[in-house]
């Protein structure tokens, strides 16, 4: 009798405790949801990686830690990125022989899931000449690929071309990536200096719009980049553009890539392991850029993250 009474009392007590805690649970859930949709919320794309090109494990919100500067910040939302806006930007001054490998690029575009919108453009005269706007018809996008002009009269600034395209980028709140084929040479304003004058602005534009820029180094048709010192500097600019926007840069020394397929395979693995991370940031009255870092305590797991994000103004 006592045993039965005890069990009934426990059930009743448990029910009362659950009922009393429900408002707090709902408030906590509501807080997380509202944080992710808050006007001051920042959403950035992060990419999980693993050593030796292994497949990284699936991550959850509890597997990552976010730092804004040296301060740890609460992650409001963390979810797999499904929709992707993927753009291919090809410098028109590249050596035309790179098009011998466009079959691998076409195969890469054709293999994209239906949730990926693909666009193709050529960088010329400091602008992105779009030959195919974003579409889920991947065959149509693949047909838009052509041989680069390979002439110095098509010489451009890859950084100004990226800026031009990001100004016209669709506002979606989804993942966004640009695959840039370039020598890194800026024929408009560049020189032998280590840092291109338009590089920081290009990085800032991409960070503000949450666009990852994957760069593939390809020599162009001119003689300007033949010197190893200057060519190394320009290649370093491409590497910096990728790293600071949460992506990777690919090259085979200073020569023409022998096989582009390994690069596409690597990019695809990265795209398959991307997440949208949201947190609330205080950008003050005007908004500001802040350094961020995302880490994971899971063994052998790394996180590709933009070096900075833009915190919107708080009204």
Protein backbone atom coordinates (compact mmCIF):
# COMPACT_ATOMS: atom_id res chain seq x y z
CA UNK A 1 0.00 0.00 0.00
CA UNK A 2 2.77 2.36 0.96
CA UNK A 3 4.71 1.45 -2.19
CA UNK A 4 1.72 2.20 -4.40
CA UNK A 5 1.06 5.47 -2.58
CA UNK A 6 4.74 6.47 -3.00
CA UNK A 7 4.67 5.85 -6.74
CA UNK A 8 1.50 7.87 -7.18
CA UNK A 9 2.97 10.67 -5.09
CA UNK A 10 6.15 10.64 -7.17
CA UNK A 11 4.17 10.90 -10.39
CA UNK A 12 2.10 13.76 -9.00
CA UNK A 13 5.20 15.53 -7.70
CA UNK A 14 6.99 15.06 -11.02
CA UNK A 15 4.02 16.46 -12.91
CA UNK A 16 3.92 19.50 -10.63
CA UNK A 17 7.67 20.06 -11.09
CA UNK A 18 7.43 19.81 -14.90
CA UNK A 19 4.51 22.22 -14.91
CA UNK A 20 6.42 24.69 -12.75
CA UNK A 21 9.50 24.52 -14.96
CA UNK A 22 7.64 24.83 -18.27
CA UNK A 23 7.56 28.66 -18.29
CA UNK A 24 11.35 28.77 -17.79
CA UNK A 25 11.96 26.20 -20.52
CA UNK A 26 9.70 28.04 -22.93
CA UNK A 27 11.39 31.30 -22.06
CA UNK A 28 14.84 29.81 -22.73
CA UNK A 29 13.71 28.35 -26.06
CA UNK A 30 12.08 31.62 -26.99
CA UNK A 31 15.26 33.46 -26.07
CA UNK A 32 17.37 31.31 -28.39
CA UNK A 33 14.88 31.63 -31.24
CA UNK A 34 14.54 35.37 -30.84
CA UNK A 35 18.32 35.73 -30.66
CA UNK A 36 18.73 33.99 -34.01
CA UNK A 37 16.09 36.22 -35.62
CA UNK A 38 17.10 39.41 -33.80
CA UNK A 39 17.87 42.36 -36.13
CA UNK A 40 21.28 42.60 -34.46
CA UNK A 41 21.98 38.88 -35.02
CA UNK A 42 25.01 37.94 -37.08
CA UNK A 43 24.90 34.86 -39.31
CA UNK A 44 28.12 33.45 -40.67
CA UNK A 45 29.08 30.31 -42.54
CA UNK A 46 31.57 27.99 -40.86
CA UNK A 47 33.12 24.88 -42.40
CA UNK A 48 34.09 21.73 -40.52
CA UNK A 49 37.32 20.06 -41.64
CA UNK A 50 39.28 16.98 -40.61
CA UNK A 51 42.93 16.01 -40.87
CA UNK A 52 44.26 14.19 -43.95
CA UNK A 53 41.18 15.12 -45.98
CA UNK A 54 39.02 12.77 -43.91
CA UNK A 55 35.28 13.28 -43.62
CA UNK A 56 34.57 15.37 -40.50
CA UNK A 57 31.81 14.27 -38.13
CA UNK A 58 28.41 15.96 -38.07
CA UNK A 59 28.51 18.84 -35.60
CA UNK A 60 25.87 20.15 -33.23
CA UNK A 61 25.59 23.44 -31.39
CA UNK A 62 27.19 21.87 -28.31
CA UNK A 63 30.28 20.87 -30.31
CA UNK A 64 31.44 24.40 -31.11
CA UNK A 65 32.66 27.42 -29.16
CA UNK A 66 32.50 30.97 -30.49
CA UNK A 67 34.93 33.72 -29.50
CA UNK A 68 34.57 37.39 -30.34
CA UNK A 69 38.07 38.64 -29.78
CA UNK A 70 39.10 36.92 -26.53
CA UNK A 71 35.58 36.78 -25.14
CA UNK A 72 33.46 33.67 -25.47
CA UNK A 73 30.03 34.42 -26.94
CA UNK A 74 26.84 32.35 -26.78
CA UNK A 75 25.84 30.64 -30.02
CA UNK A 76 22.19 31.47 -30.65
CA UNK A 77 21.64 29.03 -33.52
CA UNK A 78 23.69 26.41 -35.35
CA UNK A 79 22.33 24.44 -38.28
CA UNK A 80 23.39 22.70 -41.47
CA UNK A 81 23.40 24.95 -44.50
CA UNK A 82 21.15 23.50 -47.18
CA UNK A 83 20.75 26.21 -49.82
CA UNK A 84 23.91 27.54 -51.48
CA UNK A 85 24.60 30.36 -53.93
CA UNK A 86 27.74 29.22 -55.78
CA UNK A 87 29.46 31.52 -58.29
CA UNK A 88 32.36 30.81 -60.64
CA UNK A 89 34.45 33.90 -61.50
CA UNK A 90 37.16 33.43 -64.15
CA UNK A 91 39.75 36.12 -64.91
CA UNK A 92 39.62 36.70 -68.66
CA UNK A 93 43.38 37.36 -68.81
CA UNK A 94 44.26 33.78 -67.84
CA UNK A 95 46.17 31.54 -70.19
CA UNK A 96 43.60 29.96 -72.45
CA UNK A 97 45.06 26.47 -71.92
CA UNK A 98 43.34 26.29 -68.53
CA UNK A 99 40.11 25.67 -70.44
CA UNK A 100 41.46 22.22 -71.34
CA UNK A 101 40.33 21.29 -67.83
CA UNK A 102 36.87 22.82 -68.04
CA UNK A 103 35.42 19.32 -68.40
CA UNK A 104 36.22 18.76 -64.72
CA UNK A 105 34.67 22.12 -63.84
CA UNK A 106 31.53 21.24 -65.80
CA UNK A 107 31.32 17.89 -64.00
CA UNK A 108 31.70 19.69 -60.67
CA UNK A 109 28.86 22.09 -61.47
CA UNK A 110 26.62 19.34 -62.81
CA UNK A 111 27.09 17.32 -59.61
CA UNK A 112 25.74 20.09 -57.37
CA UNK A 113 22.55 19.30 -55.44
CA UNK A 114 19.27 20.88 -56.50
CA UNK A 115 19.46 23.25 -53.53
CA UNK A 116 22.53 24.94 -55.09
CA UNK A 117 22.13 27.98 -57.33
CA UNK A 118 25.05 28.31 -59.78
CA UNK A 119 26.25 31.39 -61.68
CA UNK A 120 29.19 32.01 -64.03
CA UNK A 121 31.03 35.27 -64.77
CA UNK A 122 34.29 36.51 -66.28
CA UNK A 123 36.44 39.23 -64.69
CA UNK A 124 37.27 41.95 -67.19
CA UNK A 125 37.93 45.69 -66.91
CA UNK A 126 37.41 45.65 -63.16
CA UNK A 127 33.92 44.17 -63.42
CA UNK A 128 32.23 40.78 -63.24
CA UNK A 129 30.68 40.07 -66.65
CA UNK A 130 27.90 37.63 -65.77
CA UNK A 131 27.25 35.14 -68.56
CA UNK A 132 24.85 33.01 -66.54
CA UNK A 133 22.94 34.33 -63.54
CA UNK A 134 22.09 32.12 -60.58
CA UNK A 135 20.12 29.08 -61.62
CA UNK A 136 19.37 25.57 -60.41
CA UNK A 137 19.68 24.39 -64.03
CA UNK A 138 23.25 23.25 -63.59
CA UNK A 139 23.57 22.07 -67.19
CA UNK A 140 22.72 25.60 -68.33
CA UNK A 141 25.40 27.03 -66.05
CA UNK A 142 27.98 24.50 -67.28
CA UNK A 143 27.28 25.50 -70.89
CA UNK A 144 28.16 29.10 -70.06
CA UNK A 145 31.84 28.20 -69.55
CA UNK A 146 34.15 29.33 -72.35
CA UNK A 147 37.86 29.76 -73.02
CA UNK A 148 39.37 32.82 -71.28
CA UNK A 149 40.36 35.52 -73.76
CA UNK A 150 43.97 35.25 -72.61
CA UNK A 151 44.85 38.76 -73.78
CA UNK A 152 46.25 41.71 -71.86
CA UNK A 153 43.48 43.95 -73.22
CA UNK A 154 41.23 41.78 -71.03
CA UNK A 155 43.47 42.41 -68.03
CA UNK A 156 41.59 43.39 -64.94
CA UNK A 157 41.66 43.56 -61.18
CA UNK A 158 40.26 40.36 -59.72
CA UNK A 159 39.55 42.22 -56.48
CA UNK A 160 37.51 44.97 -58.12
CA UNK A 161 35.62 42.29 -60.08
CA UNK A 162 34.76 40.47 -56.84
CA UNK A 163 33.60 43.75 -55.31
CA UNK A 164 31.47 44.47 -58.37
CA UNK A 165 29.71 41.13 -58.13
CA UNK A 166 29.16 41.24 -54.38
CA UNK A 167 27.35 44.56 -54.83
CA UNK A 168 24.78 42.69 -56.96
CA UNK A 169 24.67 39.55 -54.84
CA UNK A 170 21.18 38.23 -53.94
CA UNK A 171 20.15 38.82 -50.33
CA UNK A 172 19.13 35.40 -49.02
CA UNK A 173 20.62 34.72 -45.59
CA UNK A 174 21.89 31.43 -47.03
CA UNK A 175 25.39 30.14 -47.71
CA UNK A 176 27.30 31.94 -50.47
CA UNK A 177 30.58 31.04 -52.19
CA UNK A 178 32.71 32.33 -55.06
CA UNK A 179 35.30 30.15 -56.80
CA UNK A 180 37.81 32.62 -58.24
CA UNK A 181 40.28 31.55 -60.95
CA UNK A 182 43.00 34.19 -61.07
CA UNK A 183 46.73 34.94 -61.11
CA UNK A 184 46.09 37.49 -58.37
CA UNK A 185 47.63 40.23 -60.54
CA UNK A 186 45.89 43.59 -60.30
CA UNK A 187 46.58 45.37 -63.60
CA UNK A 188 44.59 48.41 -62.50
CA UNK A 189 46.16 49.45 -59.19
CA UNK A 190 48.49 46.65 -58.23
CA UNK A 191 52.27 46.62 -58.07
CA UNK A 192 55.13 44.64 -56.57
CA UNK A 193 54.02 45.55 -53.04
CA UNK A 194 53.00 42.70 -50.77
CA UNK A 195 49.46 43.96 -50.16
CA UNK A 196 47.13 44.93 -53.00
CA UNK A 197 45.41 48.30 -52.34
CA UNK A 198 41.96 46.81 -53.02
CA UNK A 199 42.39 43.56 -51.14
CA UNK A 200 41.23 44.69 -47.69
CA UNK A 201 38.10 46.34 -49.12
CA UNK A 202 37.28 43.18 -51.08
CA UNK A 203 37.67 41.05 -47.96
CA UNK A 204 35.47 43.44 -45.96
CA UNK A 205 32.70 43.30 -48.59
CA UNK A 206 32.73 39.50 -48.57
CA UNK A 207 32.75 39.30 -44.77
CA UNK A 208 29.83 41.70 -44.49
CA UNK A 209 27.78 39.60 -46.91
CA UNK A 210 28.93 36.23 -45.54
CA UNK A 211 30.55 35.11 -48.81
CA UNK A 212 33.34 32.50 -48.79
CA UNK A 213 35.88 33.02 -51.59
CA UNK A 214 37.75 29.90 -52.74
CA UNK A 215 40.70 30.87 -54.95
CA UNK A 216 42.54 28.78 -57.54
CA UNK A 217 45.84 30.20 -58.79
CA UNK A 218 46.28 30.12 -62.58
CA UNK A 219 49.03 32.06 -64.43
CA UNK A 220 47.84 34.71 -66.87
CA UNK A 221 49.04 35.43 -70.39
CA UNK A 222 51.23 38.44 -69.53
CA UNK A 223 54.86 38.73 -68.57
CA UNK A 224 54.22 40.86 -65.48
CA UNK A 225 53.81 37.84 -63.24
CA UNK A 226 56.80 35.90 -64.54
CA UNK A 227 59.07 37.14 -61.74
CA UNK A 228 58.90 34.71 -58.83
CA UNK A 229 58.99 37.41 -56.11
CA UNK A 230 56.06 39.41 -57.48
CA UNK A 231 54.15 36.28 -58.46
CA UNK A 232 54.53 34.96 -54.91
CA UNK A 233 53.18 38.24 -53.52
CA UNK A 234 50.12 38.12 -55.76
CA UNK A 235 49.53 34.47 -54.94
CA UNK A 236 49.76 35.39 -51.25
CA UNK A 237 47.02 37.97 -51.80
CA UNK A 238 44.75 35.24 -53.16
CA UNK A 239 45.55 33.08 -50.15
CA UNK A 240 44.72 35.95 -47.78
CA UNK A 241 41.45 36.61 -49.62
CA UNK A 242 40.40 33.00 -49.05
CA UNK A 243 41.57 32.58 -45.47
CA UNK A 244 39.99 35.78 -44.18
CA UNK A 245 36.63 34.95 -45.78
CA UNK A 246 36.53 31.45 -44.27
CA UNK A 247 37.69 29.50 -47.31
CA UNK A 248 40.83 27.89 -48.79
CA UNK A 249 43.25 28.74 -51.61
CA UNK A 250 44.68 26.17 -54.05
CA UNK A 251 47.81 26.26 -56.24
CA UNK A 252 50.61 24.18 -57.68
CA UNK A 253 53.55 26.41 -56.96
CA UNK A 254 53.60 29.26 -59.48
CA UNK A 255 52.78 27.04 -62.46
CA UNK A 256 49.68 25.98 -64.31
CA UNK A 257 47.63 23.42 -62.34
CA UNK A 258 48.13 19.97 -63.83
CA UNK A 259 44.78 18.67 -62.62
CA UNK A 260 41.93 20.79 -61.25
CA UNK A 261 39.80 17.84 -60.12
CA UNK A 262 41.50 17.44 -56.70
CA UNK A 263 40.72 21.10 -56.01
CA UNK A 264 37.07 20.62 -56.91
CA UNK A 265 36.89 17.48 -54.77
CA UNK A 266 38.30 19.41 -51.82
CA UNK A 267 35.93 22.33 -52.34
CA UNK A 268 32.98 19.95 -52.59
CA UNK A 269 33.89 18.26 -49.31
CA UNK A 270 34.06 21.67 -47.66
CA UNK A 271 30.70 22.72 -49.10
CA UNK A 272 29.17 19.48 -47.82
CA UNK A 273 30.25 20.30 -44.26
CA UNK A 274 29.09 23.88 -43.83
CA UNK A 275 26.90 25.29 -41.08
CA UNK A 276 25.14 28.58 -40.46
CA UNK A 277 26.08 29.94 -37.06
CA UNK A 278 24.10 32.82 -35.54
CA UNK A 279 24.89 35.01 -32.57
CA UNK A 280 23.86 38.42 -31.28
CA UNK A 281 26.45 41.18 -31.58
CA UNK A 282 26.52 44.82 -30.61
CA UNK A 283 27.69 46.96 -33.51
CA UNK A 284 27.04 50.24 -31.74
CA UNK A 285 25.36 53.12 -33.58
CA UNK A 286 27.15 52.61 -36.90
CA UNK A 287 28.01 48.92 -37.02
CA UNK A 288 31.54 47.58 -36.94
CA UNK A 289 33.80 44.66 -37.83
CA UNK A 290 34.95 42.35 -35.04
CA UNK A 291 37.42 39.42 -35.08
CA UNK A 292 35.83 36.02 -34.49
CA UNK A 293 37.00 32.46 -34.04
CA UNK A 294 35.08 29.18 -33.85
CA UNK A 295 36.68 26.11 -32.32
CA UNK A 296 35.64 22.56 -31.49
CA UNK A 297 36.86 20.25 -28.76
CA UNK A 298 36.14 17.23 -30.95
CA UNK A 299 39.33 15.42 -31.82
CA UNK A 300 40.96 16.20 -35.19
CA UNK A 301 38.20 18.64 -36.15
CA UNK A 302 39.04 22.11 -37.45
CA UNK A 303 36.74 25.00 -38.33
CA UNK A 304 37.18 27.39 -41.27
CA UNK A 305 35.88 30.77 -40.10
CA UNK A 306 36.06 34.33 -41.47
CA UNK A 307 38.68 36.35 -39.62
CA UNK A 308 36.10 39.07 -38.95
CA UNK A 309 32.35 39.58 -39.20
CA UNK A 310 30.27 42.73 -39.45
CA UNK A 311 28.13 43.53 -36.43
CA UNK A 312 25.08 45.54 -37.55
CA UNK A 313 24.19 48.80 -35.88
CA UNK A 314 21.94 48.56 -32.83
CA UNK A 315 19.06 51.03 -33.00
